[in-house]
Amino acid sequence: MERFIAVDNVCAWPNLTRLSDGTILATIFNQPTHGGWEGDVECWASTDDGRTWHLRGVPAPHTPGTNRMNVAAGLAHDGSLVVLASGWDRRNKPGDYSSPHEGKVLAPWVCRSSDGGRIWEQAEAISLPDEEGYRGIPFGDIVRHPDGGLGACIYGGSTGGSHSRYYSSEDDGRNWKQKGTIEGINSNETTPLVLADGSLLVAARTRINQHLELHRSTDLGATWLPMGPVTMIGQIPGHLLALEDGRILLSYGLRNKGLHGVAIRLSDDSGKTWGAPRVIVNYHADTDGGYPSSVQVADGTIVTAYYCKGLETHQRYHMGVVRWPAD
């Protein structure tokens, strides 16, 4: 296994996307704070399978007094990179901390790049529920449906809890509408995957008891059936990836006392059953971090990015990367 400090002095919450030329893009929040002041969504690129990284573009630059920090990201059918990006108002200048959840959630932007993440355009093109106080926050991957559409998860809430909803786009990611509700009032950060048979699988972070639950849809996100828990309490949030050999990889954060880091599980039957958990990153300290995202590169190696608030050996917020063999 190889481990790197990939992008230093950022909280990140990384989302990885692999382009057709093998480039890996990481869509991240670019400030060393848990959303506590102004900041942007940036796009960083690696052309050596995750070993080194450089800034490539800015999908969602903030306006004064706000930040852009919450994202879903993925490829459209035409190869464009699409990022859904929300954030918060009432943000202070960098270095002047403000409570991360004061203020209002900003309506998500649809950000699009047709040149591999260098130049971006932004539009407000997501139809959110007309509910008083509703907050729409994108999370996880944008996935390509077999019928030519795209899908993504947006969570939020008005009263009575947090709802994870599935959104779809029929014009290759330019406009988005709600298609279905994944779970009633007990889910937030949810990430989707398209399975080999065309059905959808999501891993949803629960609001109560803080673990991951699986849900499946056979109608491209209109209706969902629960499949049960896949992690224990304090093991959140997750990311799903289809491997070249047909297995499914679940990577997720560990926030258990005495064990903070990143773990993985593998399934060879489309998520019905899972192998034993394996720890791939151990912080050796009870520090904030996790939010992994993974891609597989040409030689079969898995590249997993995550964030960490700081370690004994590296005191700052950073995006870390671990490269590890699928076997």
C-alpha atoms as a PDB file:
ATOM      1  CA  MET A   1       0.000   0.000   0.000  1.00  0.00           C
ATOM      2  CA  GLU A   2       1.095   3.550  -0.729  1.00  0.00           C
ATOM      3  CA  ARG A   3      -0.122   6.564   1.241  1.00  0.00           C
ATOM      4  CA  PHE A   4       0.223  10.259   0.378  1.00  0.00           C
ATOM      5  CA  ILE A   5      -0.627  13.746   1.656  1.00  0.00           C
ATOM      6  CA  ALA A   6      -2.221  14.652  -1.664  1.00  0.00           C
ATOM      7  CA  VAL A   7      -3.589  18.191  -1.098  1.00  0.00           C
ATOM      8  CA  ASP A   8      -2.460  19.991   2.055  1.00  0.00           C
ATOM      9  CA  ASN A   9      -4.336  22.512   4.212  1.00  0.00           C
ATOM     10  CA  VAL A  10      -7.846  21.696   2.943  1.00  0.00           C
ATOM     11  CA  CYS A  11     -10.846  20.006   4.565  1.00  0.00           C
ATOM     12  CA  ALA A  12     -11.606  18.587   1.103  1.00  0.00           C
ATOM     13  CA  TRP A  13     -14.474  16.053   1.526  1.00  0.00           C
ATOM     14  CA  PRO A  14     -13.122  14.603  -1.753  1.00  0.00           C
ATOM     15  CA  ASN A  15     -15.133  13.183  -4.625  1.00  0.00           C
ATOM     16  CA  LEU A  16     -13.073  11.287  -7.224  1.00  0.00           C
ATOM     17  CA  THR A  17     -13.890  10.949 -10.926  1.00  0.00           C
ATOM     18  CA  ARG A  18     -11.739   9.083 -13.472  1.00  0.00           C
ATOM     19  CA  LEU A  19     -11.693  10.486 -16.989  1.00  0.00           C
ATOM     20  CA  SER A  20     -11.426   8.413 -20.178  1.00  0.00           C
ATOM     21  CA  ASP A  21      -7.728   9.338 -20.535  1.00  0.00           C
ATOM     22  CA  GLY A  22      -6.971   7.981 -17.043  1.00  0.00           C
ATOM     23  CA  THR A  23      -6.762  11.352 -15.308  1.00  0.00           C
ATOM     24  CA  ILE A  24      -8.263  11.322 -11.816  1.00  0.00           C
ATOM     25  CA  LEU A  25     -10.103  14.459 -10.739  1.00  0.00           C
ATOM     26  CA  ALA A  26     -10.795  15.290  -7.101  1.00  0.00           C
ATOM     27  CA  THR A  27     -13.611  17.743  -6.435  1.00  0.00           C
ATOM     28  CA  ILE A  28     -12.933  19.301  -3.011  1.00  0.00           C
ATOM     29  CA  PHE A  29     -13.678  22.143  -0.570  1.00  0.00           C
ATOM     30  CA  ASN A  30     -10.529  24.251  -0.579  1.00  0.00           C
ATOM     31  CA  GLN A  31     -10.312  25.586   3.000  1.00  0.00           C
ATOM     32  CA  PRO A  32      -8.834  24.095   6.221  1.00  0.00           C
ATOM     33  CA  THR A  33     -12.087  24.305   8.144  1.00  0.00           C
ATOM     34  CA  HIS A  34     -15.270  22.269   8.461  1.00  0.00           C
ATOM     35  CA  GLY A  35     -17.129  24.923   6.463  1.00  0.00           C
ATOM     36  CA  GLY A  36     -16.450  27.635   9.023  1.00  0.00           C
ATOM     37  CA  TRP A  37     -15.645  30.442   6.577  1.00  0.00           C
ATOM     38  CA  GLU A  38     -15.683  31.443   2.912  1.00  0.00           C
ATOM     39  CA  GLY A  39     -14.304  29.018   0.355  1.00  0.00           C
ATOM     40  CA  ASP A  40     -14.671  27.427  -3.071  1.00  0.00           C
ATOM     41  CA  VAL A  41     -15.201  24.056  -4.673  1.00  0.00           C
ATOM     42  CA  GLU A  42     -11.974  23.272  -6.535  1.00  0.00           C
ATOM     43  CA  CYS A  43     -11.014  20.569  -9.014  1.00  0.00           C
ATOM     44  CA  TRP A  44      -7.590  18.924  -8.564  1.00  0.00           C
ATOM     45  CA  ALA A  45      -6.083  16.495 -11.072  1.00  0.00           C
ATOM     46  CA  SER A  46      -3.690  13.557 -10.968  1.00  0.00           C
ATOM     47  CA  THR A  47      -2.164  12.155 -14.154  1.00  0.00           C
ATOM     48  CA  ASP A  48      -0.038   9.520 -12.370  1.00  0.00           C
ATOM     49  CA  ASP A  49      -2.762   7.357 -10.812  1.00  0.00           C
ATOM     50  CA  GLY A  50      -3.122   9.341  -7.607  1.00  0.00           C
ATOM     51  CA  ARG A  51       0.490   9.895  -6.567  1.00  0.00           C
ATOM     52  CA  THR A  52       0.727  13.650  -7.258  1.00  0.00           C
ATOM     53  CA  TRP A  53      -1.948  16.337  -7.670  1.00  0.00           C
ATOM     54  CA  HIS A  54      -2.285  19.834  -9.089  1.00  0.00           C
ATOM     55  CA  LEU A  55      -5.065  22.429  -9.177  1.00  0.00           C
ATOM     56  CA  ARG A  56      -6.929  22.289 -12.492  1.00  0.00           C
ATOM     57  CA  GLY A  57     -10.007  24.530 -12.134  1.00  0.00           C
ATOM     58  CA  VAL A  58     -12.701  25.988  -9.887  1.00  0.00           C
ATOM     59  CA  PRO A  59     -16.182  24.544 -10.529  1.00  0.00           C
ATOM     60  CA  ALA A  60     -17.938  26.696  -7.909  1.00  0.00           C
ATOM     61  CA  PRO A  61     -16.244  29.950  -6.833  1.00  0.00           C
ATOM     62  CA  HIS A  62     -17.948  31.490  -3.804  1.00  0.00           C
ATOM     63  CA  THR A  63     -19.557  34.901  -3.679  1.00  0.00           C
ATOM     64  CA  PRO A  64     -18.589  37.183  -0.741  1.00  0.00           C
ATOM     65  CA  GLY A  65     -20.129  36.140   2.566  1.00  0.00           C
ATOM     66  CA  THR A  66     -20.766  32.542   1.420  1.00  0.00           C
ATOM     67  CA  ASN A  67     -18.993  29.317   0.695  1.00  0.00           C
ATOM     68  CA  ARG A  68     -19.468  26.480  -1.780  1.00  0.00           C
ATOM     69  CA  MET A  69     -18.566  23.186  -0.090  1.00  0.00           C
ATOM     70  CA  ASN A  70     -21.118  20.369  -0.613  1.00  0.00           C
ATOM     71  CA  VAL A  71     -20.888  18.446  -3.882  1.00  0.00           C
ATOM     72  CA  ALA A  72     -21.977  15.558  -6.043  1.00  0.00           C
ATOM     73  CA  ALA A  73     -19.806  14.913  -9.093  1.00  0.00           C
ATOM     74  CA  GLY A  74     -19.514  12.644 -12.109  1.00  0.00           C
ATOM     75  CA  LEU A  75     -19.365  12.329 -15.880  1.00  0.00           C
ATOM     76  CA  ALA A  76     -22.187  13.092 -18.308  1.00  0.00           C
ATOM     77  CA  HIS A  77     -22.754  10.795 -21.285  1.00  0.00           C
ATOM     78  CA  ASP A  78     -20.948  13.266 -23.548  1.00  0.00           C
ATOM     79  CA  GLY A  79     -17.844  13.111 -21.327  1.00  0.00           C
ATOM     80  CA  SER A  80     -18.388  16.468 -19.625  1.00  0.00           C
ATOM     81  CA  LEU A  81     -17.722  16.695 -15.894  1.00  0.00           C
ATOM     82  CA  VAL A  82     -20.792  17.768 -13.924  1.00  0.00           C
ATOM     83  CA  VAL A  83     -20.643  19.050 -10.343  1.00  0.00           C
ATOM     84  CA  LEU A  84     -23.670  19.908  -8.222  1.00  0.00           C
ATOM     85  CA  ALA A  85     -22.461  22.366  -5.572  1.00  0.00           C
ATOM     86  CA  SER A  86     -24.242  23.991  -2.638  1.00  0.00           C
ATOM     87  CA  GLY A  87     -22.934  25.795   0.430  1.00  0.00           C
ATOM     88  CA  TRP A  88     -23.891  28.254   3.160  1.00  0.00           C
ATOM     89  CA  ASP A  89     -24.423  31.968   3.553  1.00  0.00           C
ATOM     90  CA  ARG A  90     -23.306  34.038   6.589  1.00  0.00           C
ATOM     91  CA  ARG A  91     -19.692  32.941   6.181  1.00  0.00           C
ATOM     92  CA  ASN A  92     -16.862  35.109   7.472  1.00  0.00           C
ATOM     93  CA  LYS A  93     -13.605  35.869   5.696  1.00  0.00           C
ATOM     94  CA  PRO A  94     -10.994  33.067   5.672  1.00  0.00           C
ATOM     95  CA  GLY A  95      -9.447  32.692   9.107  1.00  0.00           C
ATOM     96  CA  ASP A  96     -12.426  34.272  10.912  1.00  0.00           C
ATOM     97  CA  TYR A  97     -14.354  31.229  12.120  1.00  0.00           C
ATOM     98  CA  SER A  98     -18.155  31.113  12.082  1.00  0.00           C
ATOM     99  CA  SER A  99     -20.399  28.248  13.155  1.00  0.00           C
ATOM    100  CA  PRO A 100     -20.606  25.817  10.208  1.00  0.00           C
ATOM    101  CA  HIS A 101     -24.386  25.454  10.352  1.00  0.00           C
ATOM    102  CA  GLU A 102     -25.499  29.027  10.933  1.00  0.00           C
ATOM    103  CA  GLY A 103     -27.264  30.733   8.078  1.00  0.00           C
ATOM    104  CA  LYS A 104     -29.060  29.188   5.131  1.00  0.00           C
ATOM    105  CA  VAL A 105     -28.078  26.513   2.644  1.00  0.00           C
ATOM    106  CA  LEU A 106     -27.515  27.964  -0.809  1.00  0.00           C
ATOM    107  CA  ALA A 107     -29.465  26.545  -3.735  1.00  0.00           C
ATOM    108  CA  PRO A 108     -27.188  24.100  -5.597  1.00  0.00           C
ATOM    109  CA  TRP A 109     -25.458  25.189  -8.754  1.00  0.00           C
ATOM    110  CA  VAL A 110     -25.062  22.907 -11.751  1.00  0.00           C
ATOM    111  CA  CYS A 111     -21.416  23.314 -12.764  1.00  0.00           C
ATOM    112  CA  ARG A 112     -20.198  21.867 -16.066  1.00  0.00           C
ATOM    113  CA  SER A 113     -16.823  21.493 -17.757  1.00  0.00           C
ATOM    114  CA  SER A 114     -16.215  20.104 -21.232  1.00  0.00           C
ATOM    115  CA  ASP A 115     -12.400  20.359 -21.108  1.00  0.00           C
ATOM    116  CA  GLY A 116     -11.504  18.011 -18.273  1.00  0.00           C
ATOM    117  CA  GLY A 117     -12.159  20.385 -15.392  1.00  0.00           C
ATOM    118  CA  ARG A 118     -10.266  23.487 -16.480  1.00  0.00           C
ATOM    119  CA  ILE A 119     -13.045  25.911 -17.531  1.00  0.00           C
ATOM    120  CA  TRP A 120     -16.465  25.869 -15.864  1.00  0.00           C
ATOM    121  CA  GLU A 121     -19.926  27.334 -16.307  1.00  0.00           C
ATOM    122  CA  GLN A 122     -22.525  27.546 -13.531  1.00  0.00           C
ATOM    123  CA  ALA A 123     -26.330  27.580 -13.603  1.00  0.00           C
ATOM    124  CA  GLU A 124     -29.185  27.319 -11.095  1.00  0.00           C
ATOM    125  CA  ALA A 125     -31.036  24.437 -12.733  1.00  0.00           C
ATOM    126  CA  ILE A 126     -32.219  22.114  -9.944  1.00  0.00           C
ATOM    127  CA  SER A 127     -35.915  22.020  -9.064  1.00  0.00           C
ATOM    128  CA  LEU A 128     -36.054  21.698  -5.240  1.00  0.00           C
ATOM    129  CA  PRO A 129     -39.199  20.860  -3.216  1.00  0.00           C
ATOM    130  CA  ASP A 130     -41.391  23.841  -2.365  1.00  0.00           C
ATOM    131  CA  GLU A 131     -41.247  23.269   1.391  1.00  0.00           C
ATOM    132  CA  GLU A 132     -40.694  25.953   4.007  1.00  0.00           C
ATOM    133  CA  GLY A 133     -37.142  25.803   5.306  1.00  0.00           C
ATOM    134  CA  TYR A 134     -36.087  23.020   2.905  1.00  0.00           C
ATOM    135  CA  ARG A 135     -32.338  22.629   2.444  1.00  0.00           C
ATOM    136  CA  GLY A 136     -31.005  20.818  -0.610  1.00  0.00           C
ATOM    137  CA  ILE A 137     -27.460  19.443  -0.257  1.00  0.00           C
ATOM    138  CA  PRO A 138     -25.904  17.223  -2.979  1.00  0.00           C
ATOM    139  CA  PHE A 139     -23.640  14.327  -2.022  1.00  0.00           C
ATOM    140  CA  GLY A 140     -21.879  11.380  -3.638  1.00  0.00           C
ATOM    141  CA  ASP A 141     -21.438  10.444  -7.273  1.00  0.00           C
ATOM    142  CA  ILE A 142     -23.421  11.519 -10.305  1.00  0.00           C
ATOM    143  CA  VAL A 143     -24.198   8.273 -12.143  1.00  0.00           C
ATOM    144  CA  ARG A 144     -25.091   7.478 -15.753  1.00  0.00           C
ATOM    145  CA  HIS A 145     -28.378   5.649 -16.288  1.00  0.00           C
ATOM    146  CA  PRO A 146     -28.580   2.988 -19.002  1.00  0.00           C
ATOM    147  CA  ASP A 147     -31.443   4.921 -20.667  1.00  0.00           C
ATOM    148  CA  GLY A 148     -29.228   7.980 -21.256  1.00  0.00           C
ATOM    149  CA  GLY A 149     -30.205   9.935 -18.147  1.00  0.00           C
ATOM    150  CA  LEU A 150     -28.137  10.897 -15.125  1.00  0.00           C
ATOM    151  CA  GLY A 151     -28.863  10.471 -11.429  1.00  0.00           C
ATOM    152  CA  ALA A 152     -27.678  11.988  -8.152  1.00  0.00           C
ATOM    153  CA  CYS A 153     -28.654  12.155  -4.494  1.00  0.00           C
ATOM    154  CA  ILE A 154     -29.632  15.383  -2.735  1.00  0.00           C
ATOM    155  CA  TYR A 155     -30.545  15.418   0.933  1.00  0.00           C
ATOM    156  CA  GLY A 156     -32.224  18.028   3.055  1.00  0.00           C
ATOM    157  CA  GLY A 157     -35.021  18.642   5.461  1.00  0.00           C
ATOM    158  CA  SER A 158     -37.673  21.078   6.482  1.00  0.00           C
ATOM    159  CA  THR A 159     -39.439  19.759   9.551  1.00  0.00           C
ATOM    160  CA  GLY A 160     -39.324  16.375  11.234  1.00  0.00           C
ATOM    161  CA  GLY A 161     -35.987  15.121  10.000  1.00  0.00           C
ATOM    162  CA  SER A 162     -33.688  14.732   7.042  1.00  0.00           C
ATOM    163  CA  HIS A 163     -34.765  13.261   3.704  1.00  0.00           C
ATOM    164  CA  SER A 164     -32.568  11.696   1.047  1.00  0.00           C
ATOM    165  CA  ARG A 165     -34.056  12.129  -2.427  1.00  0.00           C
ATOM    166  CA  TYR A 166     -33.032  10.884  -5.830  1.00  0.00           C
ATOM    167  CA  TYR A 167     -32.767  13.406  -8.658  1.00  0.00           C
ATOM    168  CA  SER A 168     -32.497  12.718 -12.366  1.00  0.00           C
ATOM    169  CA  SER A 169     -31.546  14.662 -15.478  1.00  0.00           C
ATOM    170  CA  GLU A 170     -32.851  13.858 -18.940  1.00  0.00           C
ATOM    171  CA  ASP A 171     -30.653  16.388 -20.758  1.00  0.00           C
ATOM    172  CA  ASP A 172     -27.220  15.026 -19.772  1.00  0.00           C
ATOM    173  CA  GLY A 173     -26.906  16.947 -16.523  1.00  0.00           C
ATOM    174  CA  ARG A 174     -28.036  20.433 -17.457  1.00  0.00           C
ATOM    175  CA  ASN A 175     -31.376  20.401 -15.582  1.00  0.00           C
ATOM    176  CA  TRP A 176     -32.449  18.264 -12.630  1.00  0.00           C
ATOM    177  CA  LYS A 177     -35.757  17.199 -11.076  1.00  0.00           C
ATOM    178  CA  GLN A 178     -36.669  15.014  -8.136  1.00  0.00           C
ATOM    179  CA  LYS A 179     -37.590  11.475  -9.154  1.00  0.00           C
ATOM    180  CA  GLY A 180     -38.038   9.638  -5.860  1.00  0.00           C
ATOM    181  CA  THR A 181     -37.538   9.642  -2.092  1.00  0.00           C
ATOM    182  CA  ILE A 182     -34.995   7.107  -0.876  1.00  0.00           C
ATOM    183  CA  GLU A 183     -35.844   7.146   2.825  1.00  0.00           C
ATOM    184  CA  GLY A 184     -38.343   9.014   4.981  1.00  0.00           C
ATOM    185  CA  ILE A 185     -36.866  11.128   7.779  1.00  0.00           C
ATOM    186  CA  ASN A 186     -33.727   9.267   8.783  1.00  0.00           C
ATOM    187  CA  SER A 187     -31.137   9.768   6.045  1.00  0.00           C
ATOM    188  CA  ASN A 188     -28.773  12.431   4.787  1.00  0.00           C
ATOM    189  CA  GLU A 189     -25.473  11.849   2.941  1.00  0.00           C
ATOM    190  CA  THR A 190     -26.290   9.205   0.311  1.00  0.00           C
ATOM    191  CA  THR A 191     -24.220   7.926  -2.609  1.00  0.00           C
ATOM    192  CA  PRO A 192     -25.535   5.945  -5.632  1.00  0.00           C
ATOM    193  CA  LEU A 193     -24.207   3.228  -7.933  1.00  0.00           C
ATOM    194  CA  VAL A 194     -25.608   1.744 -11.156  1.00  0.00           C
ATOM    195  CA  LEU A 195     -25.369  -2.055 -11.032  1.00  0.00           C
ATOM    196  CA  ALA A 196     -24.616  -4.325 -13.984  1.00  0.00           C
ATOM    197  CA  ASP A 197     -28.311  -5.186 -14.453  1.00  0.00           C
ATOM    198  CA  GLY A 198     -29.278  -1.486 -14.650  1.00  0.00           C
ATOM    199  CA  SER A 199     -30.734  -1.246 -11.151  1.00  0.00           C
ATOM    200  CA  LEU A 200     -29.539   1.293  -8.597  1.00  0.00           C
ATOM    201  CA  LEU A 201     -27.918   0.772  -5.212  1.00  0.00           C
ATOM    202  CA  VAL A 202     -27.361   3.528  -2.646  1.00  0.00           C
ATOM    203  CA  ALA A 203     -25.576   3.677   0.696  1.00  0.00           C
ATOM    204  CA  ALA A 204     -27.346   6.188   2.948  1.00  0.00           C
ATOM    205  CA  ARG A 205     -26.023   7.692   6.166  1.00  0.00           C
ATOM    206  CA  THR A 206     -28.670   7.500   8.868  1.00  0.00           C
ATOM    207  CA  ARG A 207     -29.485  10.498  11.031  1.00  0.00           C
ATOM    208  CA  ILE A 208     -30.311   8.234  13.985  1.00  0.00           C
ATOM    209  CA  ASN A 209     -27.555   5.844  15.140  1.00  0.00           C
ATOM    210  CA  GLN A 210     -25.151   7.134  12.453  1.00  0.00           C
ATOM    211  CA  HIS A 211     -24.527   4.066  10.289  1.00  0.00           C
ATOM    212  CA  LEU A 212     -24.965   3.122   6.611  1.00  0.00           C
ATOM    213  CA  GLU A 213     -28.129   1.542   5.194  1.00  0.00           C
ATOM    214  CA  LEU A 214     -28.454   0.122   1.683  1.00  0.00           C
ATOM    215  CA  HIS A 215     -31.465   0.748  -0.593  1.00  0.00           C
ATOM    216  CA  ARG A 216     -32.175  -0.560  -4.095  1.00  0.00           C
ATOM    217  CA  SER A 217     -34.270   0.675  -7.025  1.00  0.00           C
ATOM    218  CA  THR A 218     -35.278  -1.239 -10.140  1.00  0.00           C
ATOM    219  CA  ASP A 219     -37.016   1.724 -11.815  1.00  0.00           C
ATOM    220  CA  LEU A 220     -34.112   4.203 -12.065  1.00  0.00           C
ATOM    221  CA  GLY A 221     -34.818   5.915  -8.756  1.00  0.00           C
ATOM    222  CA  ALA A 222     -38.589   6.333  -8.705  1.00  0.00           C
ATOM    223  CA  THR A 223     -39.123   3.806  -5.878  1.00  0.00           C
ATOM    224  CA  TRP A 224     -36.742   2.259  -3.367  1.00  0.00           C
ATOM    225  CA  LEU A 225     -36.608  -0.877  -1.215  1.00  0.00           C
ATOM    226  CA  PRO A 226     -34.494  -1.086   1.969  1.00  0.00           C
ATOM    227  CA  MET A 227     -31.769  -3.760   2.072  1.00  0.00           C
ATOM    228  CA  GLY A 228     -30.641  -3.259   5.655  1.00  0.00           C
ATOM    229  CA  PRO A 229     -27.516  -1.980   7.415  1.00  0.00           C
ATOM    230  CA  VAL A 230     -24.023  -2.482   5.995  1.00  0.00           C
ATOM    231  CA  THR A 231     -21.930  -0.808   8.744  1.00  0.00           C
ATOM    232  CA  MET A 232     -22.064  -0.386  12.496  1.00  0.00           C
ATOM    233  CA  ILE A 233     -22.712   2.802  14.476  1.00  0.00           C
ATOM    234  CA  GLY A 234     -20.118   5.513  13.858  1.00  0.00           C
ATOM    235  CA  GLN A 235     -19.069   4.129  10.449  1.00  0.00           C
ATOM    236  CA  ILE A 236     -20.134   6.854   8.004  1.00  0.00           C
ATOM    237  CA  PRO A 237     -20.467   8.124   5.292  1.00  0.00           C
ATOM    238  CA  GLY A 238     -19.822   5.781   2.385  1.00  0.00           C
ATOM    239  CA  HIS A 239     -18.935   5.483  -1.281  1.00  0.00           C
ATOM    240  CA  LEU A 240     -19.786   2.712  -3.762  1.00  0.00           C
ATOM    241  CA  LEU A 241     -17.650   1.630  -6.721  1.00  0.00           C
ATOM    242  CA  ALA A 242     -18.104  -1.146  -9.299  1.00  0.00           C
ATOM    243  CA  LEU A 243     -14.776  -2.933  -9.831  1.00  0.00           C
ATOM    244  CA  GLU A 244     -13.615  -4.360 -13.145  1.00  0.00           C
ATOM    245  CA  ASP A 245     -14.017  -7.945 -11.895  1.00  0.00           C
ATOM    246  CA  GLY A 246     -17.700  -7.398 -11.073  1.00  0.00           C
ATOM    247  CA  ARG A 247     -17.352  -6.918  -7.341  1.00  0.00           C
ATOM    248  CA  ILE A 248     -18.685  -3.850  -5.529  1.00  0.00           C
ATOM    249  CA  LEU A 249     -16.445  -1.854  -3.226  1.00  0.00           C
ATOM    250  CA  LEU A 250     -17.878   0.043  -0.268  1.00  0.00           C
ATOM    251  CA  SER A 251     -15.448   2.474   1.359  1.00  0.00           C
ATOM    252  CA  TYR A 252     -16.490   4.388   4.476  1.00  0.00           C
ATOM    253  CA  GLY A 253     -15.257   6.460   7.375  1.00  0.00           C
ATOM    254  CA  LEU A 254     -14.488   5.000  10.800  1.00  0.00           C
ATOM    255  CA  ARG A 255     -15.442   7.148  13.794  1.00  0.00           C
ATOM    256  CA  ASN A 256     -15.322   4.624  16.614  1.00  0.00           C
ATOM    257  CA  LYS A 257     -13.474   5.431  19.824  1.00  0.00           C
ATOM    258  CA  GLY A 258      -9.965   4.072  19.450  1.00  0.00           C
ATOM    259  CA  LEU A 259     -10.347   3.482  15.703  1.00  0.00           C
ATOM    260  CA  HIS A 260     -10.674   6.477  13.387  1.00  0.00           C
ATOM    261  CA  GLY A 261      -9.805   6.155   9.724  1.00  0.00           C
ATOM    262  CA  VAL A 262     -11.152   4.476   6.580  1.00  0.00           C
ATOM    263  CA  ALA A 263     -12.430   0.928   6.042  1.00  0.00           C
ATOM    264  CA  ILE A 264     -13.728  -1.082   3.089  1.00  0.00           C
ATOM    265  CA  ARG A 265     -16.010  -4.023   2.398  1.00  0.00           C
ATOM    266  CA  LEU A 266     -16.463  -6.025  -0.817  1.00  0.00           C
ATOM    267  CA  SER A 267     -19.515  -7.720  -2.300  1.00  0.00           C
ATOM    268  CA  ASP A 268     -19.582 -10.240  -5.148  1.00  0.00           C
ATOM    269  CA  ASP A 269     -23.394 -10.504  -5.385  1.00  0.00           C
ATOM    270  CA  SER A 270     -24.513  -6.937  -6.169  1.00  0.00           C
ATOM    271  CA  GLY A 271     -24.634  -5.861  -2.537  1.00  0.00           C
ATOM    272  CA  LYS A 272     -26.732  -8.679  -1.099  1.00  0.00           C
ATOM    273  CA  THR A 273     -23.886  -9.953   1.100  1.00  0.00           C
ATOM    274  CA  TRP A 274     -20.549  -8.430   2.078  1.00  0.00           C
ATOM    275  CA  GLY A 275     -17.122  -9.623   3.106  1.00  0.00           C
ATOM    276  CA  ALA A 276     -15.513  -8.741   6.404  1.00  0.00           C
ATOM    277  CA  PRO A 277     -14.463  -5.109   6.957  1.00  0.00           C
ATOM    278  CA  ARG A 278     -10.821  -4.220   6.356  1.00  0.00           C
ATOM    279  CA  VAL A 279      -9.098  -1.080   7.646  1.00  0.00           C
ATOM    280  CA  ILE A 280      -7.045   0.662   4.942  1.00  0.00           C
ATOM    281  CA  VAL A 281      -6.273   3.886   6.870  1.00  0.00           C
ATOM    282  CA  ASN A 282      -5.804   4.140  10.643  1.00  0.00           C
ATOM    283  CA  TYR A 283      -5.237   7.646  12.013  1.00  0.00           C
ATOM    284  CA  HIS A 284      -3.958   6.239  15.342  1.00  0.00           C
ATOM    285  CA  ALA A 285      -5.856   9.089  16.989  1.00  0.00           C
ATOM    286  CA  ASP A 286      -9.500  10.019  17.543  1.00  0.00           C
ATOM    287  CA  THR A 287      -9.448  12.845  15.011  1.00  0.00           C
ATOM    288  CA  ASP A 288     -12.010  14.134  12.537  1.00  0.00           C
ATOM    289  CA  GLY A 289     -11.846  12.649   9.053  1.00  0.00           C
ATOM    290  CA  GLY A 290     -13.112  10.084   6.591  1.00  0.00           C
ATOM    291  CA  TYR A 291     -15.490  10.802   3.685  1.00  0.00           C
ATOM    292  CA  PRO A 292     -13.651   8.415   1.327  1.00  0.00           C
ATOM    293  CA  SER A 293     -14.099   8.208  -2.426  1.00  0.00           C
ATOM    294  CA  SER A 294     -12.479   5.562  -4.634  1.00  0.00           C
ATOM    295  CA  VAL A 295     -11.625   4.865  -8.276  1.00  0.00           C
ATOM    296  CA  GLN A 296      -9.854   1.953  -9.969  1.00  0.00           C
ATOM    297  CA  VAL A 297      -6.969   2.669 -12.354  1.00  0.00           C
ATOM    298  CA  ALA A 298      -5.783   0.738 -15.413  1.00  0.00           C
ATOM    299  CA  ASP A 299      -3.554  -1.763 -13.587  1.00  0.00           C
ATOM    300  CA  GLY A 300      -6.366  -2.649 -11.159  1.00  0.00           C
ATOM    301  CA  THR A 301      -5.060  -0.596  -8.235  1.00  0.00           C
ATOM    302  CA  ILE A 302      -7.674   1.159  -6.112  1.00  0.00           C
ATOM    303  CA  VAL A 303      -7.098   4.841  -5.347  1.00  0.00           C
ATOM    304  CA  THR A 304      -9.005   6.030  -2.276  1.00  0.00           C
ATOM    305  CA  ALA A 305      -9.059   9.681  -1.209  1.00  0.00           C
ATOM    306  CA  TYR A 306     -10.250  10.895   2.197  1.00  0.00           C
ATOM    307  CA  TYR A 307      -9.833  13.874   4.484  1.00  0.00           C
ATOM    308  CA  CYS A 308      -8.239  14.197   7.904  1.00  0.00           C
ATOM    309  CA  LYS A 309      -8.177  17.115  10.341  1.00  0.00           C
ATOM    310  CA  GLY A 310      -4.622  16.313  11.401  1.00  0.00           C
ATOM    311  CA  LEU A 311      -2.301  13.602  12.671  1.00  0.00           C
ATOM    312  CA  GLU A 312       0.648  13.404  15.025  1.00  0.00           C
ATOM    313  CA  THR A 313       2.866  13.255  11.951  1.00  0.00           C
ATOM    314  CA  HIS A 314       1.001  15.946   9.971  1.00  0.00           C
ATOM    315  CA  GLN A 315      -0.803  18.598  11.961  1.00  0.00           C
ATOM    316  CA  ARG A 316      -2.928  20.273   9.279  1.00  0.00           C
ATOM    317  CA  TYR A 317      -6.178  19.422   7.530  1.00  0.00           C
ATOM    318  CA  HIS A 318      -5.407  17.537   4.324  1.00  0.00           C
ATOM    319  CA  MET A 319      -6.729  15.293   1.593  1.00  0.00           C
ATOM    320  CA  GLY A 320      -4.967  11.968   1.916  1.00  0.00           C
ATOM    321  CA  VAL A 321      -4.715   9.273  -0.744  1.00  0.00           C
ATOM    322  CA  VAL A 322      -4.036   5.578  -0.306  1.00  0.00           C
ATOM    323  CA  ARG A 323      -3.261   3.302  -3.263  1.00  0.00           C
ATOM    324  CA  TRP A 324      -3.967  -0.352  -2.589  1.00  0.00           C
ATOM    325  CA  PRO A 325      -4.372  -3.630  -4.526  1.00  0.00           C
ATOM    326  CA  ALA A 326      -7.898  -4.842  -5.180  1.00  0.00           C
ATOM    327  CA  ASP A 327      -6.875  -8.337  -4.005  1.00  0.00           C
END
